[in-house]
Amino acid sequence: MSRIAWDQYFMAQAHLLKSRSTCERLAVGAVIVRDKRMIAGGYNGSVTGGVHCIDEGCYVVDGHCIRTIHAEMNALLQCAKFGVATEGAEIYVTHFPCVHCTKAIIQAGIRSVYYSEDYKNHPYAVEILKQAGVSAEKVPSTVRIKESEEEQSIMEDMLERLKTHDDPQYEDFKRKLEQLENGRITSRS
């Protein structure tokens, strides 16, 4: 049996953290790593003790939820709270960081950003990463975090509906669902 690659290991941790997100619009997870050791993690959600978007909906102003603290910021704040240095560290994020998080990442001395999904990659964020000498690399996740029982049930219901409507793609979707259940599909989009 071969071992999981470091990039995939840390990206899988970011995806696992993402499962704690309380944001209804986009779940994001982030892990800060130094010397192949995780030093902090975060997911997007409300301030400690505050109302969560999953409970009362997003508080959107000018197209942005102002209730949510981004995963990258939560990970950086965790380092600040516990006095953990971030200089020279790397960050693994499930989605490309926004401009504000990018600026914080640069200011924290992070040297590399690894992300698994493009998400509104702002040209200015890309530009300032280059200017600061911070590498940014897309690392698609090859590790699948198993879906919940509810998600599994929904997929099975959808598949059954395709079958009852004689959908020509039924067999293809059935095969893919079986592969998911057996862990043979290694990434989720």
Foldseek 3Di string as FASTA:
>chain_A
DDDDDLLQVQLVVFVVQLVVELAPPGGKKKFKFDPSHTDFIFIKFADVPDDTCNRVHFCDDPRDRPRIDHGLVRRVVVCVVVVNQRAAIEMEMQEDDDQVSLVVCLVSNHQEYEYAYYDPPDPVSVVVCVVSNRYYYHDHHQADDQDDPVVLVVLVVVLVVCVVVVPPCSVVSVVVSVCSVVVNRRHDD
